[in-house]
Amino acid sequence: QVQLVESGGGLVQPGGSLRLSCAASGRTFSFYAMAWFRQAPGKEREFVAAISWRGDSTYYLDSVKDRFTIARDNAKNTVFLQMNSLKPEDTAVYYCAADRAWGNRFAAQYDYWGQGTQVTVSS
């Protein structure tokens, strides 16, 4: 089992920044690829970004590629999502997820999930 707890969400104005964190406990964190997903009201859960076990590979949803950065600190069992130049359409509940396989973009493929943190971008 892996337990995931997200933090760092909040209300921010368009163009602002937020940094989300996801703290992991349980099985060895470095064995898992990690990802961030988001879900807006009335929409399906959407892949945002993923990072490999050692943090040497990443990939992103096209619409966030130049604005968001995923990173991990295996010594602290934590994965981060730095979000810059936020837009109203980024408003959603953001979830971190863990999977033993690398390269998955579909929520159903991930084994473990956090409870989510709300990000609201509004003036």
PDB file of N, CA and C in Angstrom:
ATOM      1  N   GLN A   1       0.834  -1.203   0.000  1.00  0.00           N
ATOM      2  CA  GLN A   1       0.000   0.000   0.000  1.00  0.00           C
ATOM      3  C   GLN A   1       0.862   1.244   0.000  1.00  0.00           C
ATOM      4  N   VAL A   2       0.396   2.254  -0.699  1.00  0.00           N
ATOM      5  CA  VAL A   2       1.022   3.571  -0.706  1.00  0.00           C
ATOM      6  C   VAL A   2      -0.054   4.577  -0.323  1.00  0.00           C
ATOM      7  N   GLN A   3       0.244   5.403   0.651  1.00  0.00           N
ATOM      8  CA  GLN A   3      -0.671   6.468   1.048  1.00  0.00           C
ATOM      9  C   GLN A   3      -0.141   7.790   0.510  1.00  0.00           C
ATOM     10  N   LEU A   4      -1.023   8.564  -0.098  1.00  0.00           N
ATOM     11  CA  LEU A   4      -0.649   9.823  -0.726  1.00  0.00           C
ATOM     12  C   LEU A   4      -1.495  10.952  -0.146  1.00  0.00           C
ATOM     13  N   VAL A   5      -0.835  12.062   0.191  1.00  0.00           N
ATOM     14  CA  VAL A   5      -1.535  13.217   0.742  1.00  0.00           C
ATOM     15  C   VAL A   5      -1.070  14.461   0.012  1.00  0.00           C
ATOM     16  N   GLU A   6      -2.009  15.116  -0.681  1.00  0.00           N
ATOM     17  CA  GLU A   6      -1.695  16.339  -1.416  1.00  0.00           C
ATOM     18  C   GLU A   6      -1.875  17.565  -0.533  1.00  0.00           C
ATOM     19  N   SER A   7      -1.164  18.624  -0.871  1.00  0.00           N
ATOM     20  CA  SER A   7      -1.317  19.915  -0.208  1.00  0.00           C
ATOM     21  C   SER A   7      -0.883  21.005  -1.164  1.00  0.00           C
ATOM     22  N   GLY A   8      -1.200  22.252  -0.809  1.00  0.00           N
ATOM     23  CA  GLY A   8      -0.724  23.387  -1.578  1.00  0.00           C
ATOM     24  C   GLY A   8      -1.746  24.043  -2.478  1.00  0.00           C
ATOM     25  N   GLY A   9      -2.940  23.499  -2.537  1.00  0.00           N
ATOM     26  CA  GLY A   9      -3.971  24.122  -3.361  1.00  0.00           C
ATOM     27  C   GLY A   9      -4.475  25.418  -2.744  1.00  0.00           C
ATOM     28  N   GLY A  10      -5.306  26.132  -3.502  1.00  0.00           N
ATOM     29  CA  GLY A  10      -5.861  27.379  -3.003  1.00  0.00           C
ATOM     30  C   GLY A  10      -6.450  28.213  -4.113  1.00  0.00           C
ATOM     31  N   LEU A  11      -6.737  29.468  -3.768  1.00  0.00           N
ATOM     32  CA  LEU A  11      -7.287  30.433  -4.710  1.00  0.00           C
ATOM     33  C   LEU A  11      -6.164  31.343  -5.193  1.00  0.00           C
ATOM     34  N   VAL A  12      -6.048  31.501  -6.499  1.00  0.00           N
ATOM     35  CA  VAL A  12      -5.005  32.334  -7.069  1.00  0.00           C
ATOM     36  C   VAL A  12      -5.574  33.100  -8.254  1.00  0.00           C
ATOM     37  N   GLN A  13      -5.045  34.281  -8.495  1.00  0.00           N
ATOM     38  CA  GLN A  13      -5.501  35.081  -9.626  1.00  0.00           C
ATOM     39  C   GLN A  13      -4.896  34.570 -10.926  1.00  0.00           C
ATOM     40  N   PRO A  14      -5.549  34.811 -12.054  1.00  0.00           N
ATOM     41  CA  PRO A  14      -4.951  34.439 -13.344  1.00  0.00           C
ATOM     42  C   PRO A  14      -3.558  35.032 -13.487  1.00  0.00           C
ATOM     43  N   GLY A  15      -2.641  34.209 -13.996  1.00  0.00           N
ATOM     44  CA  GLY A  15      -1.253  34.614 -14.127  1.00  0.00           C
ATOM     45  C   GLY A  15      -0.403  34.288 -12.910  1.00  0.00           C
ATOM     46  N   GLY A  16      -1.030  33.875 -11.830  1.00  0.00           N
ATOM     47  CA  GLY A  16      -0.313  33.556 -10.609  1.00  0.00           C
ATOM     48  C   GLY A  16       0.284  32.157 -10.613  1.00  0.00           C
ATOM     49  N   SER A  17       0.877  31.791  -9.478  1.00  0.00           N
ATOM     50  CA  SER A  17       1.562  30.505  -9.354  1.00  0.00           C
ATOM     51  C   SER A  17       1.128  29.791  -8.077  1.00  0.00           C
ATOM     52  N   LEU A  18       1.204  28.479  -8.133  1.00  0.00           N
ATOM     53  CA  LEU A  18       1.011  27.629  -6.961  1.00  0.00           C
ATOM     54  C   LEU A  18       1.969  26.453  -7.066  1.00  0.00           C
ATOM     55  N   ARG A  19       2.346  25.911  -5.917  1.00  0.00           N
ATOM     56  CA  ARG A  19       3.166  24.707  -5.882  1.00  0.00           C
ATOM     57  C   ARG A  19       2.440  23.643  -5.073  1.00  0.00           C
ATOM     58  N   LEU A  20       2.077  22.581  -5.730  1.00  0.00           N
ATOM     59  CA  LEU A  20       1.427  21.463  -5.062  1.00  0.00           C
ATOM     60  C   LEU A  20       2.470  20.458  -4.604  1.00  0.00           C
ATOM     61  N   SER A  21       2.192  19.836  -3.457  1.00  0.00           N
ATOM     62  CA  SER A  21       3.054  18.781  -2.941  1.00  0.00           C
ATOM     63  C   SER A  21       2.215  17.536  -2.705  1.00  0.00           C
ATOM     64  N   CYS A  22       2.874  16.393  -2.816  1.00  0.00           N
ATOM     65  CA  CYS A  22       2.222  15.116  -2.541  1.00  0.00           C
ATOM     66  C   CYS A  22       3.195  14.274  -1.724  1.00  0.00           C
ATOM     67  N   ALA A  23       2.856  14.043  -0.473  1.00  0.00           N
ATOM     68  CA  ALA A  23       3.697  13.262   0.423  1.00  0.00           C
ATOM     69  C   ALA A  23       3.251  11.812   0.411  1.00  0.00           C
ATOM     70  N   ALA A  24       4.207  10.903   0.251  1.00  0.00           N
ATOM     71  CA  ALA A  24       3.909   9.478   0.163  1.00  0.00           C
ATOM     72  C   ALA A  24       4.438   8.735   1.368  1.00  0.00           C
ATOM     73  N   SER A  25       3.721   7.718   1.768  1.00  0.00           N
ATOM     74  CA  SER A  25       4.178   6.828   2.832  1.00  0.00           C
ATOM     75  C   SER A  25       3.756   5.414   2.475  1.00  0.00           C
ATOM     76  N   GLY A  26       4.370   4.451   3.148  1.00  0.00           N
ATOM     77  CA  GLY A  26       4.051   3.067   2.851  1.00  0.00           C
ATOM     78  C   GLY A  26       5.188   2.398   2.113  1.00  0.00           C
ATOM     79  N   ARG A  27       4.881   1.741   1.004  1.00  0.00           N
ATOM     80  CA  ARG A  27       5.910   1.030   0.239  1.00  0.00           C
ATOM     81  C   ARG A  27       6.933   1.998  -0.345  1.00  0.00           C
ATOM     82  N   THR A  28       8.050   1.501  -0.764  1.00  0.00           N
ATOM     83  CA  THR A  28       9.164   2.321  -1.205  1.00  0.00           C
ATOM     84  C   THR A  28       8.755   3.257  -2.331  1.00  0.00           C
ATOM     85  N   PHE A  29       8.831   4.543  -2.038  1.00  0.00           N
ATOM     86  CA  PHE A  29       8.376   5.581  -2.952  1.00  0.00           C
ATOM     87  C   PHE A  29       9.111   5.533  -4.275  1.00  0.00           C
ATOM     88  N   SER A  30      10.400   5.280  -4.233  1.00  0.00           N
ATOM     89  CA  SER A  30      11.210   5.341  -5.450  1.00  0.00           C
ATOM     90  C   SER A  30      10.907   4.211  -6.420  1.00  0.00           C
ATOM     91  N   PHE A  31      10.086   3.242  -6.028  1.00  0.00           N
ATOM     92  CA  PHE A  31       9.698   2.170  -6.945  1.00  0.00           C
ATOM     93  C   PHE A  31       8.537   2.578  -7.850  1.00  0.00           C
ATOM     94  N   TYR A  32       7.959   3.755  -7.600  1.00  0.00           N
ATOM     95  CA  TYR A  32       6.746   4.148  -8.284  1.00  0.00           C
ATOM     96  C   TYR A  32       6.959   5.353  -9.191  1.00  0.00           C
ATOM     97  N   ALA A  33       6.422   5.250 -10.399  1.00  0.00           N
ATOM     98  CA  ALA A  33       6.240   6.445 -11.209  1.00  0.00           C
ATOM     99  C   ALA A  33       5.092   7.235 -10.590  1.00  0.00           C
ATOM    100  N   MET A  34       5.190   8.543 -10.664  1.00  0.00           N
ATOM    101  CA  MET A  34       4.194   9.408 -10.054  1.00  0.00           C
ATOM    102  C   MET A  34       3.573  10.319 -11.100  1.00  0.00           C
ATOM    103  N   ALA A  35       2.334  10.699 -10.855  1.00  0.00           N
ATOM    104  CA  ALA A  35       1.637  11.564 -11.807  1.00  0.00           C
ATOM    105  C   ALA A  35       0.700  12.509 -11.073  1.00  0.00           C
ATOM    106  N   TRP A  36       0.346  13.575 -11.757  1.00  0.00           N
ATOM    107  CA  TRP A  36      -0.714  14.478 -11.324  1.00  0.00           C
ATOM    108  C   TRP A  36      -1.845  14.414 -12.350  1.00  0.00           C
ATOM    109  N   PHE A  37      -3.058  14.331 -11.825  1.00  0.00           N
ATOM    110  CA  PHE A  37      -4.269  14.415 -12.621  1.00  0.00           C
ATOM    111  C   PHE A  37      -5.097  15.568 -12.070  1.00  0.00           C
ATOM    112  N   ARG A  38      -6.108  15.965 -12.824  1.00  0.00           N
ATOM    113  CA  ARG A  38      -7.034  16.973 -12.327  1.00  0.00           C
ATOM    114  C   ARG A  38      -8.441  16.654 -12.820  1.00  0.00           C
ATOM    115  N   GLN A  39      -9.414  17.142 -12.062  1.00  0.00           N
ATOM    116  CA  GLN A  39     -10.804  16.920 -12.420  1.00  0.00           C
ATOM    117  C   GLN A  39     -11.610  18.163 -12.111  1.00  0.00           C
ATOM    118  N   ALA A  40     -12.169  18.746 -13.163  1.00  0.00           N
ATOM    119  CA  ALA A  40     -13.043  19.907 -13.034  1.00  0.00           C
ATOM    120  C   ALA A  40     -14.484  19.422 -12.903  1.00  0.00           C
ATOM    121  N   PRO A  41     -15.364  20.247 -12.335  1.00  0.00           N
ATOM    122  CA  PRO A  41     -16.765  19.832 -12.170  1.00  0.00           C
ATOM    123  C   PRO A  41     -17.397  19.425 -13.494  1.00  0.00           C
ATOM    124  N   GLY A  42     -18.027  18.279 -13.502  1.00  0.00           N
ATOM    125  CA  GLY A  42     -18.714  17.801 -14.690  1.00  0.00           C
ATOM    126  C   GLY A  42     -17.820  17.218 -15.759  1.00  0.00           C
ATOM    127  N   LYS A  43     -16.529  17.103 -15.472  1.00  0.00           N
ATOM    128  CA  LYS A  43     -15.584  16.585 -16.469  1.00  0.00           C
ATOM    129  C   LYS A  43     -14.894  15.340 -15.946  1.00  0.00           C
ATOM    130  N   GLU A  44     -14.318  14.579 -16.868  1.00  0.00           N
ATOM    131  CA  GLU A  44     -13.568  13.394 -16.483  1.00  0.00           C
ATOM    132  C   GLU A  44     -12.208  13.792 -15.902  1.00  0.00           C
ATOM    133  N   ARG A  45     -11.654  12.882 -15.132  1.00  0.00           N
ATOM    134  CA  ARG A  45     -10.320  13.114 -14.593  1.00  0.00           C
ATOM    135  C   ARG A  45      -9.313  13.123 -15.750  1.00  0.00           C
ATOM    136  N   GLU A  46      -8.417  14.107 -15.722  1.00  0.00           N
ATOM    137  CA  GLU A  46      -7.522  14.382 -16.852  1.00  0.00           C
ATOM    138  C   GLU A  46      -6.066  14.290 -16.413  1.00  0.00           C
ATOM    139  N   PHE A  47      -5.265  13.618 -17.222  1.00  0.00           N
ATOM    140  CA  PHE A  47      -3.829  13.542 -16.963  1.00  0.00           C
ATOM    141  C   PHE A  47      -3.206  14.926 -17.104  1.00  0.00           C
ATOM    142  N   VAL A  48      -2.270  15.260 -16.209  1.00  0.00           N
ATOM    143  CA  VAL A  48      -1.578  16.544 -16.269  1.00  0.00           C
ATOM    144  C   VAL A  48      -0.071  16.354 -16.504  1.00  0.00           C
ATOM    145  N   ALA A  49       0.572  15.515 -15.693  1.00  0.00           N
ATOM    146  CA  ALA A  49       2.016  15.352 -15.793  1.00  0.00           C
ATOM    147  C   ALA A  49       2.427  14.062 -15.101  1.00  0.00           C
ATOM    148  N   ALA A  50       3.563  13.510 -15.521  1.00  0.00           N
ATOM    149  CA  ALA A  50       4.095  12.306 -14.892  1.00  0.00           C
ATOM    150  C   ALA A  50       5.608  12.388 -14.818  1.00  0.00           C
ATOM    151  N   ILE A  51       6.168  11.650 -13.865  1.00  0.00           N
ATOM    152  CA  ILE A  51       7.614  11.619 -13.673  1.00  0.00           C
ATOM    153  C   ILE A  51       8.042  10.194 -13.366  1.00  0.00           C
ATOM    154  N   SER A  52       9.169   9.795 -13.911  1.00  0.00           N
ATOM    155  CA  SER A  52       9.653   8.428 -13.747  1.00  0.00           C
ATOM    156  C   SER A  52      10.205   8.183 -12.343  1.00  0.00           C
ATOM    157  N   TRP A  53      10.570   6.925 -12.076  1.00  0.00           N
ATOM    158  CA  TRP A  53      10.996   6.524 -10.736  1.00  0.00           C
ATOM    159  C   TRP A  53      12.164   7.365 -10.228  1.00  0.00           C
ATOM    160  N   ARG A  54      13.155   7.619 -11.086  1.00  0.00           N
ATOM    161  CA  ARG A  54      14.331   8.373 -10.654  1.00  0.00           C
ATOM    162  C   ARG A  54      14.214   9.862 -10.950  1.00  0.00           C
ATOM    163  N   GLY A  55      13.123  10.250 -11.596  1.00  0.00           N
ATOM    164  CA  GLY A  55      12.935  11.663 -11.892  1.00  0.00           C
ATOM    165  C   GLY A  55      13.646  12.135 -13.138  1.00  0.00           C
ATOM    166  N   ASP A  56      14.162  11.209 -13.960  1.00  0.00           N
ATOM    167  CA  ASP A  56      14.934  11.616 -15.132  1.00  0.00           C
ATOM    168  C   ASP A  56      14.105  11.696 -16.406  1.00  0.00           C
ATOM    169  N   SER A  57      12.826  11.339 -16.308  1.00  0.00           N
ATOM    170  CA  SER A  57      11.926  11.468 -17.453  1.00  0.00           C
ATOM    171  C   SER A  57      10.611  12.072 -16.987  1.00  0.00           C
ATOM    172  N   THR A  58      10.085  12.982 -17.794  1.00  0.00           N
ATOM    173  CA  THR A  58       8.796  13.602 -17.491  1.00  0.00           C
ATOM    174  C   THR A  58       8.008  13.769 -18.784  1.00  0.00           C
ATOM    175  N   TYR A  59       6.695  13.869 -18.666  1.00  0.00           N
ATOM    176  CA  TYR A  59       5.882  14.294 -19.797  1.00  0.00           C
ATOM    177  C   TYR A  59       4.616  14.952 -19.278  1.00  0.00           C
ATOM    178  N   TYR A  60       4.010  15.755 -20.173  1.00  0.00           N
ATOM    179  CA  TYR A  60       2.965  16.670 -19.762  1.00  0.00           C
ATOM    180  C   TYR A  60       1.792  16.678 -20.739  1.00  0.00           C
ATOM    181  N   LEU A  61       0.649  17.082 -20.216  1.00  0.00           N
ATOM    182  CA  LEU A  61      -0.481  17.468 -21.049  1.00  0.00           C
ATOM    183  C   LEU A  61      -0.028  18.663 -21.880  1.00  0.00           C
ATOM    184  N   ASP A  62      -0.379  18.686 -23.160  1.00  0.00           N
ATOM    185  CA  ASP A  62       0.119  19.752 -24.036  1.00  0.00           C
ATOM    186  C   ASP A  62      -0.222  21.151 -23.518  1.00  0.00           C
ATOM    187  N   SER A  63      -1.394  21.304 -22.955  1.00  0.00           N
ATOM    188  CA  SER A  63      -1.837  22.651 -22.571  1.00  0.00           C
ATOM    189  C   SER A  63      -1.122  23.185 -21.329  1.00  0.00           C
ATOM    190  N   VAL A  64      -0.358  22.356 -20.643  1.00  0.00           N
ATOM    191  CA  VAL A  64       0.376  22.823 -19.465  1.00  0.00           C
ATOM    192  C   VAL A  64       1.885  22.748 -19.658  1.00  0.00           C
ATOM    193  N   LYS A  65       2.333  22.242 -20.775  1.00  0.00           N
ATOM    194  CA  LYS A  65       3.737  21.879 -20.975  1.00  0.00           C
ATOM    195  C   LYS A  65       4.711  23.009 -20.685  1.00  0.00           C
ATOM    196  N   ASP A  66       4.394  24.205 -21.049  1.00  0.00           N
ATOM    197  CA  ASP A  66       5.326  25.319 -20.856  1.00  0.00           C
ATOM    198  C   ASP A  66       5.058  26.092 -19.582  1.00  0.00           C
ATOM    199  N   ARG A  67       4.097  25.625 -18.772  1.00  0.00           N
ATOM    200  CA  ARG A  67       3.721  26.370 -17.574  1.00  0.00           C
ATOM    201  C   ARG A  67       3.892  25.566 -16.284  1.00  0.00           C
ATOM    202  N   PHE A  68       3.773  24.248 -16.370  1.00  0.00           N
ATOM    203  CA  PHE A  68       3.846  23.396 -15.187  1.00  0.00           C
ATOM    204  C   PHE A  68       5.142  22.586 -15.210  1.00  0.00           C
ATOM    205  N   THR A  69       5.655  22.292 -14.017  1.00  0.00           N
ATOM    206  CA  THR A  69       6.837  21.451 -13.892  1.00  0.00           C
ATOM    207  C   THR A  69       6.616  20.428 -12.784  1.00  0.00           C
ATOM    208  N   ILE A  70       6.809  19.153 -13.115  1.00  0.00           N
ATOM    209  CA  ILE A  70       6.722  18.087 -12.120  1.00  0.00           C
ATOM    210  C   ILE A  70       8.131  17.724 -11.677  1.00  0.00           C
ATOM    211  N   ALA A  71       8.291  17.462 -10.383  1.00  0.00           N
ATOM    212  CA  ALA A  71       9.585  17.078  -9.836  1.00  0.00           C
ATOM    213  C   ALA A  71       9.342  16.151  -8.651  1.00  0.00           C
ATOM    214  N   ARG A  72      10.378  15.448  -8.236  1.00  0.00           N
ATOM    215  CA  ARG A  72      10.253  14.566  -7.075  1.00  0.00           C
ATOM    216  C   ARG A  72      11.527  14.599  -6.257  1.00  0.00           C
ATOM    217  N   ASP A  73      11.376  14.328  -4.969  1.00  0.00           N
ATOM    218  CA  ASP A  73      12.491  14.212  -4.047  1.00  0.00           C
ATOM    219  C   ASP A  73      12.334  12.860  -3.368  1.00  0.00           C
ATOM    220  N   ASN A  74      13.054  11.864  -3.834  1.00  0.00           N
ATOM    221  CA  ASN A  74      12.890  10.517  -3.294  1.00  0.00           C
ATOM    222  C   ASN A  74      13.382  10.403  -1.849  1.00  0.00           C
ATOM    223  N   ALA A  75      14.297  11.260  -1.453  1.00  0.00           N
ATOM    224  CA  ALA A  75      14.767  11.246  -0.062  1.00  0.00           C
ATOM    225  C   ALA A  75      13.667  11.697   0.893  1.00  0.00           C
ATOM    226  N   LYS A  76      12.758  12.524   0.388  1.00  0.00           N
ATOM    227  CA  LYS A  76      11.666  13.041   1.222  1.00  0.00           C
ATOM    228  C   LYS A  76      10.315  12.442   0.858  1.00  0.00           C
ATOM    229  N   ASN A  77      10.331  11.453  -0.046  1.00  0.00           N
ATOM    230  CA  ASN A  77       9.080  10.780  -0.451  1.00  0.00           C
ATOM    231  C   ASN A  77       8.012  11.770  -0.894  1.00  0.00           C
ATOM    232  N   THR A  78       8.406  12.727  -1.708  1.00  0.00           N
ATOM    233  CA  THR A  78       7.491  13.788  -2.101  1.00  0.00           C
ATOM    234  C   THR A  78       7.602  14.070  -3.594  1.00  0.00           C
ATOM    235  N   VAL A  79       6.461  14.328  -4.211  1.00  0.00           N
ATOM    236  CA  VAL A  79       6.411  14.788  -5.595  1.00  0.00           C
ATOM    237  C   VAL A  79       5.739  16.158  -5.607  1.00  0.00           C
ATOM    238  N   PHE A  80       6.186  17.000  -6.524  1.00  0.00           N
ATOM    239  CA  PHE A  80       5.736  18.389  -6.586  1.00  0.00           C
ATOM    240  C   PHE A  80       5.153  18.693  -7.967  1.00  0.00           C
ATOM    241  N   LEU A  81       4.291  19.688  -7.999  1.00  0.00           N
ATOM    242  CA  LEU A  81       3.827  20.253  -9.260  1.00  0.00           C
ATOM    243  C   LEU A  81       3.884  21.765  -9.134  1.00  0.00           C
ATOM    244  N   GLN A  82       4.857  22.369  -9.797  1.00  0.00           N
ATOM    245  CA  GLN A  82       4.970  23.821  -9.838  1.00  0.00           C
ATOM    246  C   GLN A  82       4.113  24.319 -10.986  1.00  0.00           C
ATOM    247  N   MET A  83       3.157  25.180 -10.684  1.00  0.00           N
ATOM    248  CA  MET A  83       2.214  25.675 -11.691  1.00  0.00           C
ATOM    249  C   MET A  83       2.375  27.183 -11.813  1.00  0.00           C
ATOM    250  N   ASN A  84       2.785  27.642 -12.982  1.00  0.00           N
ATOM    251  CA  ASN A  84       2.975  29.059 -13.256  1.00  0.00           C
ATOM    252  C   ASN A  84       1.992  29.515 -14.329  1.00  0.00           C
ATOM    253  N   SER A  85       1.818  30.823 -14.434  1.00  0.00           N
ATOM    254  CA  SER A  85       0.934  31.409 -15.451  1.00  0.00           C
ATOM    255  C   SER A  85      -0.426  30.723 -15.461  1.00  0.00           C
ATOM    256  N   LEU A  86      -1.002  30.591 -14.298  1.00  0.00           N
ATOM    257  CA  LEU A  86      -2.261  29.853 -14.170  1.00  0.00           C
ATOM    258  C   LEU A  86      -3.405  30.567 -14.888  1.00  0.00           C
ATOM    259  N   LYS A  87      -4.294  29.750 -15.427  1.00  0.00           N
ATOM    260  CA  LYS A  87      -5.450  30.239 -16.178  1.00  0.00           C
ATOM    261  C   LYS A  87      -6.736  29.743 -15.515  1.00  0.00           C
ATOM    262  N   PRO A  88      -7.845  30.430 -15.739  1.00  0.00           N
ATOM    263  CA  PRO A  88      -9.112  29.947 -15.154  1.00  0.00           C
ATOM    264  C   PRO A  88      -9.423  28.505 -15.533  1.00  0.00           C
ATOM    265  N   GLU A  89      -9.027  28.089 -16.712  1.00  0.00           N
ATOM    266  CA  GLU A  89      -9.312  26.712 -17.142  1.00  0.00           C
ATOM    267  C   GLU A  89      -8.460  25.675 -16.418  1.00  0.00           C
ATOM    268  N   ASP A  90      -7.512  26.123 -15.612  1.00  0.00           N
ATOM    269  CA  ASP A  90      -6.750  25.188 -14.769  1.00  0.00           C
ATOM    270  C   ASP A  90      -7.492  24.861 -13.474  1.00  0.00           C
ATOM    271  N   THR A  91      -8.604  25.527 -13.233  1.00  0.00           N
ATOM    272  CA  THR A  91      -9.384  25.279 -12.018  1.00  0.00           C
ATOM    273  C   THR A  91      -9.887  23.839 -11.986  1.00  0.00           C
ATOM    274  N   ALA A  92      -9.570  23.141 -10.897  1.00  0.00           N
ATOM    275  CA  ALA A  92      -9.933  21.723 -10.761  1.00  0.00           C
ATOM    276  C   ALA A  92      -9.462  21.228  -9.407  1.00  0.00           C
ATOM    277  N   VAL A  93      -9.892  20.029  -9.063  1.00  0.00           N
ATOM    278  CA  VAL A  93      -9.272  19.299  -7.961  1.00  0.00           C
ATOM    279  C   VAL A  93      -8.089  18.543  -8.546  1.00  0.00           C
ATOM    280  N   TYR A  94      -6.925  18.713  -7.945  1.00  0.00           N
ATOM    281  CA  TYR A  94      -5.698  18.075  -8.421  1.00  0.00           C
ATOM    282  C   TYR A  94      -5.368  16.877  -7.526  1.00  0.00           C
ATOM    283  N   TYR A  95      -5.072  15.752  -8.180  1.00  0.00           N
ATOM    284  CA  TYR A  95      -4.785  14.504  -7.488  1.00  0.00           C
ATOM    285  C   TYR A  95      -3.385  14.021  -7.865  1.00  0.00           C
ATOM    286  N   CYS A  96      -2.668  13.473  -6.911  1.00  0.00           N
ATOM    287  CA  CYS A  96      -1.455  12.742  -7.271  1.00  0.00           C
ATOM    288  C   CYS A  96      -1.759  11.251  -7.267  1.00  0.00           C
ATOM    289  N   ALA A  97      -0.996  10.527  -8.048  1.00  0.00           N
ATOM    290  CA  ALA A  97      -1.226   9.101  -8.223  1.00  0.00           C
ATOM    291  C   ALA A  97       0.095   8.380  -8.382  1.00  0.00           C
ATOM    292  N   ALA A  98       0.113   7.104  -8.022  1.00  0.00           N
ATOM    293  CA  ALA A  98       1.329   6.291  -8.091  1.00  0.00           C
ATOM    294  C   ALA A  98       1.065   5.014  -8.872  1.00  0.00           C
ATOM    295  N   ASP A  99       2.062   4.598  -9.640  1.00  0.00           N
ATOM    296  CA  ASP A  99       1.938   3.392 -10.442  1.00  0.00           C
ATOM    297  C   ASP A  99       3.311   2.749 -10.603  1.00  0.00           C
ATOM    298  N   ARG A 100       3.362   1.420 -10.596  1.00  0.00           N
ATOM    299  CA  ARG A 100       4.652   0.745 -10.772  1.00  0.00           C
ATOM    300  C   ARG A 100       5.134   0.854 -12.221  1.00  0.00           C
ATOM    301  N   ALA A 101       4.211   1.017 -13.165  1.00  0.00           N
ATOM    302  CA  ALA A 101       4.590   1.121 -14.573  1.00  0.00           C
ATOM    303  C   ALA A 101       4.812   2.578 -14.954  1.00  0.00           C
ATOM    304  N   TRP A 102       5.643   2.780 -15.931  1.00  0.00           N
ATOM    305  CA  TRP A 102       5.952   4.130 -16.429  1.00  0.00           C
ATOM    306  C   TRP A 102       5.246   4.347 -17.762  1.00  0.00           C
ATOM    307  N   GLY A 103       4.740   5.553 -17.947  1.00  0.00           N
ATOM    308  CA  GLY A 103       4.198   5.926 -19.237  1.00  0.00           C
ATOM    309  C   GLY A 103       2.688   5.904 -19.354  1.00  0.00           C
ATOM    310  N   ASN A 104       1.995   5.719 -18.251  1.00  0.00           N
ATOM    311  CA  ASN A 104       0.538   5.650 -18.316  1.00  0.00           C
ATOM    312  C   ASN A 104      -0.088   7.030 -18.222  1.00  0.00           C
ATOM    313  N   ARG A 105      -1.100   7.274 -19.063  1.00  0.00           N
ATOM    314  CA  ARG A 105      -1.817   8.545 -19.051  1.00  0.00           C
ATOM    315  C   ARG A 105      -3.267   8.388 -18.606  1.00  0.00           C
ATOM    316  N   PHE A 106      -3.713   7.160 -18.381  1.00  0.00           N
ATOM    317  CA  PHE A 106      -5.103   6.932 -18.043  1.00  0.00           C
ATOM    318  C   PHE A 106      -5.246   6.663 -16.553  1.00  0.00           C
ATOM    319  N   ALA A 107      -6.229   7.326 -15.953  1.00  0.00           N
ATOM    320  CA  ALA A 107      -6.414   7.224 -14.512  1.00  0.00           C
ATOM    321  C   ALA A 107      -6.610   5.784 -14.046  1.00  0.00           C
ATOM    322  N   ALA A 108      -7.304   4.992 -14.849  1.00  0.00           N
ATOM    323  CA  ALA A 108      -7.599   3.618 -14.453  1.00  0.00           C
ATOM    324  C   ALA A 108      -6.337   2.765 -14.302  1.00  0.00           C
ATOM    325  N   GLN A 109      -5.241   3.215 -14.872  1.00  0.00           N
ATOM    326  CA  GLN A 109      -3.994   2.456 -14.818  1.00  0.00           C
ATOM    327  C   GLN A 109      -3.197   2.711 -13.548  1.00  0.00           C
ATOM    328  N   TYR A 110      -3.580   3.688 -12.772  1.00  0.00           N
ATOM    329  CA  TYR A 110      -2.831   4.035 -11.567  1.00  0.00           C
ATOM    330  C   TYR A 110      -3.392   3.304 -10.355  1.00  0.00           C
ATOM    331  N   ASP A 111      -2.456   2.863  -9.508  1.00  0.00           N
ATOM    332  CA  ASP A 111      -2.830   1.992  -8.398  1.00  0.00           C
ATOM    333  C   ASP A 111      -3.260   2.746  -7.143  1.00  0.00           C
ATOM    334  N   TYR A 112      -2.636   3.892  -6.893  1.00  0.00           N
ATOM    335  CA  TYR A 112      -2.860   4.600  -5.631  1.00  0.00           C
ATOM    336  C   TYR A 112      -3.139   6.071  -5.902  1.00  0.00           C
ATOM    337  N   TRP A 113      -4.021   6.635  -5.054  1.00  0.00           N
ATOM    338  CA  TRP A 113      -4.469   8.008  -5.232  1.00  0.00           C
ATOM    339  C   TRP A 113      -4.514   8.749  -3.911  1.00  0.00           C
ATOM    340  N   GLY A 114      -4.259  10.056  -3.992  1.00  0.00           N
ATOM    341  CA  GLY A 114      -4.502  10.912  -2.854  1.00  0.00           C
ATOM    342  C   GLY A 114      -5.942  11.385  -2.843  1.00  0.00           C
ATOM    343  N   GLN A 115      -6.259  12.226  -1.866  1.00  0.00           N
ATOM    344  CA  GLN A 115      -7.637  12.689  -1.699  1.00  0.00           C
ATOM    345  C   GLN A 115      -7.942  13.936  -2.535  1.00  0.00           C
ATOM    346  N   GLY A 116      -6.905  14.568  -3.058  1.00  0.00           N
ATOM    347  CA  GLY A 116      -7.084  15.733  -3.907  1.00  0.00           C
ATOM    348  C   GLY A 116      -6.944  17.047  -3.168  1.00  0.00           C
ATOM    349  N   THR A 117      -6.570  18.081  -3.925  1.00  0.00           N
ATOM    350  CA  THR A 117      -6.479  19.434  -3.382  1.00  0.00           C
ATOM    351  C   THR A 117      -7.072  20.393  -4.411  1.00  0.00           C
ATOM    352  N   GLN A 118      -7.896  21.318  -3.952  1.00  0.00           N
ATOM    353  CA  GLN A 118      -8.621  22.221  -4.852  1.00  0.00           C
ATOM    354  C   GLN A 118      -7.713  23.372  -5.296  1.00  0.00           C
ATOM    355  N   VAL A 119      -7.701  23.605  -6.591  1.00  0.00           N
ATOM    356  CA  VAL A 119      -7.034  24.772  -7.173  1.00  0.00           C
ATOM    357  C   VAL A 119      -8.089  25.594  -7.893  1.00  0.00           C
ATOM    358  N   THR A 120      -8.211  26.851  -7.505  1.00  0.00           N
ATOM    359  CA  THR A 120      -9.178  27.749  -8.129  1.00  0.00           C
ATOM    360  C   THR A 120      -8.442  28.972  -8.661  1.00  0.00           C
ATOM    361  N   VAL A 121      -8.595  29.212  -9.956  1.00  0.00           N
ATOM    362  CA  VAL A 121      -7.952  30.358 -10.596  1.00  0.00           C
ATOM    363  C   VAL A 121      -9.046  31.333 -10.993  1.00  0.00           C
ATOM    364  N   SER A 122      -9.072  32.460 -10.304  1.00  0.00           N
ATOM    365  CA  SER A 122     -10.156  33.419 -10.526  1.00  0.00           C
ATOM    366  C   SER A 122      -9.736  34.791 -10.037  1.00  0.00           C
ATOM    367  N   SER A 123     -10.235  35.814 -10.728  1.00  0.00           N
ATOM    368  CA  SER A 123      -9.985  37.175 -10.283  1.00  0.00           C
ATOM    369  C   SER A 123     -11.104  37.662  -9.375  1.00  0.00           C
TER     370      SER A 123
END
